[in-house]
C-alpha atoms as a PDB file:
ATOM      1  CA  MET A   1     -85.895  23.040 -27.720  1.00  0.00           C
ATOM      2  CA  THR A   2     -85.698  26.901 -27.546  1.00  0.00           C
ATOM      3  CA  GLY A   3     -86.539  28.934 -24.596  1.00  0.00           C
ATOM      4  CA  ARG A   4     -86.017  28.192 -21.098  1.00  0.00           C
ATOM      5  CA  VAL A   5     -88.008  25.728 -18.711  1.00  0.00           C
ATOM      6  CA  GLU A   6     -88.250  25.984 -15.404  1.00  0.00           C
ATOM      7  CA  VAL A   7     -89.940  23.697 -12.774  1.00  0.00           C
ATOM      8  CA  THR A   8     -91.757  25.307 -10.327  1.00  0.00           C
ATOM      9  CA  GLY A   9     -93.826  22.359  -8.641  1.00  0.00           C
ATOM     10  CA  ALA A  10     -94.128  18.727  -7.627  1.00  0.00           C
ATOM     11  CA  LEU A  11     -96.767  16.098  -8.211  1.00  0.00           C
ATOM     12  CA  PHE A  12     -96.135  13.132  -6.129  1.00  0.00           C
ATOM     13  CA  VAL A  13     -98.576  10.123  -6.684  1.00  0.00           C
ATOM     14  CA  ASP A  14     -98.719   6.524  -4.822  1.00  0.00           C
ATOM     15  CA  LEU A  15    -101.155   4.248  -6.842  1.00  0.00           C
ATOM     16  CA  GLY A  16    -101.286   2.346  -3.517  1.00  0.00           C
ATOM     17  CA  HIS A  17    -101.585  -1.641  -3.698  1.00  0.00           C
ATOM     18  CA  GLN A  18    -104.890  -3.080  -4.450  1.00  0.00           C
ATOM     19  CA  LEU A  19    -105.663  -6.553  -3.352  1.00  0.00           C
ATOM     20  CA  LYS A  20    -107.687  -9.148  -5.788  1.00  0.00           C
ATOM     21  CA  ASP A  21    -110.397  -8.843  -3.425  1.00  0.00           C
ATOM     22  CA  GLY A  22    -111.158  -5.241  -4.195  1.00  0.00           C
ATOM     23  CA  THR A  23    -109.563  -4.211  -0.645  1.00  0.00           C
ATOM     24  CA  TRP A  24    -106.220  -2.028  -0.302  1.00  0.00           C
ATOM     25  CA  ALA A  25    -103.109  -3.245   1.302  1.00  0.00           C
ATOM     26  CA  ARG A  26    -101.305   0.065   0.624  1.00  0.00           C
ATOM     27  CA  PRO A  27    -104.468   2.828  -0.232  1.00  0.00           C
ATOM     28  CA  PRO A  28    -103.374   5.377  -2.893  1.00  0.00           C
ATOM     29  CA  ARG A  29    -101.903   8.850  -1.782  1.00  0.00           C
ATOM     30  CA  ALA A  30    -100.868  12.219  -3.260  1.00  0.00           C
ATOM     31  CA  ARG A  31     -99.291  15.496  -2.157  1.00  0.00           C
ATOM     32  CA  TYR A  32     -98.216  18.724  -4.468  1.00  0.00           C
ATOM     33  CA  GLU A  33     -95.129  20.766  -3.113  1.00  0.00           C
ATOM     34  CA  CYS A  34     -94.698  23.865  -4.462  1.00  0.00           C
ATOM     35  CA  LEU A  35     -91.152  24.973  -5.152  1.00  0.00           C
ATOM     36  CA  ARG A  36     -91.314  28.578  -5.255  1.00  0.00           C
ATOM     37  CA  CYS A  37     -93.109  29.285  -1.763  1.00  0.00           C
ATOM     38  CA  HIS A  38     -92.516  25.898  -0.329  1.00  0.00           C
ATOM     39  CA  THR A  39     -95.976  24.935   0.254  1.00  0.00           C
ATOM     40  CA  ARG A  40     -97.204  21.048   0.858  1.00  0.00           C
ATOM     41  CA  GLU A  41    -100.624  20.584  -0.009  1.00  0.00           C
ATOM     42  CA  GLY A  42    -101.979  17.248   0.811  1.00  0.00           C
ATOM     43  CA  PRO A  43    -101.445  14.792   1.317  1.00  0.00           C
ATOM     44  CA  VAL A  44    -104.978  12.980   0.547  1.00  0.00           C
ATOM     45  CA  THR A  45    -105.601   9.436   0.781  1.00  0.00           C
ATOM     46  CA  GLY A  46    -108.053   7.080  -1.392  1.00  0.00           C
ATOM     47  CA  ALA A  47    -108.726   6.862  -4.665  1.00  0.00           C
ATOM     48  CA  VAL A  48    -111.503   9.364  -5.506  1.00  0.00           C
ATOM     49  CA  GLN A  49    -109.689  11.924  -3.226  1.00  0.00           C
ATOM     50  CA  VAL A  50    -106.358  11.245  -5.124  1.00  0.00           C
ATOM     51  CA  ALA A  51    -108.355  11.694  -8.134  1.00  0.00           C
ATOM     52  CA  GLY A  52    -110.103  14.822  -7.595  1.00  0.00           C
ATOM     53  CA  PHE A  53    -106.183  16.266  -6.229  1.00  0.00           C
ATOM     54  CA  VAL A  54    -104.494  15.490  -8.968  1.00  0.00           C
ATOM     55  CA  ALA A  55    -107.027  17.359 -11.601  1.00  0.00           C
ATOM     56  CA  THR A  56    -107.146  20.570  -9.253  1.00  0.00           C
ATOM     57  CA  ALA A  57    -103.898  20.948  -7.005  1.00  0.00           C
ATOM     58  CA  ARG A  58    -101.414  22.593  -9.346  1.00  0.00           C
ATOM     59  CA  THR A  59    -104.309  25.172 -10.452  1.00  0.00           C
ATOM     60  CA  ASP A  60    -105.592  25.616  -7.477  1.00  0.00           C
ATOM     61  CA  HIS A  61    -102.245  26.483  -5.930  1.00  0.00           C
ATOM     62  CA  ARG A  62    -100.910  28.468  -8.607  1.00  0.00           C
ATOM     63  CA  ALA A  63    -104.219  30.412  -8.144  1.00  0.00           C
ATOM     64  CA  ASN A  64    -103.002  31.399  -4.301  1.00  0.00           C
ATOM     65  CA  CYS A  65     -99.080  30.865  -4.581  1.00  0.00           C
ATOM     66  CA  PRO A  66     -97.673  33.867  -2.803  1.00  0.00           C
ATOM     67  CA  ALA A  67     -94.276  33.886  -4.733  1.00  0.00           C
ATOM     68  CA  ASN A  68     -96.200  33.529  -7.737  1.00  0.00           C
ATOM     69  CA  VAL A  69     -97.190  37.535  -9.611  1.00  0.00           C
ATOM     70  CA  GLN A  70     -99.800  36.418 -11.627  1.00  0.00           C
ATOM     71  CA  GLY A  71    -101.167  34.061  -8.775  1.00  0.00           C
ATOM     72  CA  ALA A  72    -101.120  37.537  -6.982  1.00  0.00           C
ATOM     73  CA  GLN A  73    -102.817  39.353  -9.542  1.00  0.00           C
ATOM     74  CA  ALA A  74    -105.574  36.792 -10.478  1.00  0.00           C
ATOM     75  CA  ALA A  75    -106.882  36.424  -6.770  1.00  0.00           C
END
């Protein structure tokens, strides 16, 4: 592998625990943490909300991150 890899954020997803009757013993939840500006977004709870958050959290934060020069220029 060539080049340098830098981890700039972490997306935490708990898939929850759904019972056989369809109710949630522990609903799904997610949060995003930026390792550059130390912002935390979320947590969001619920299957639909988590799916939407996971699909957009990284991209949405990157566009507005104060520690990201590219994000600051794009905004």
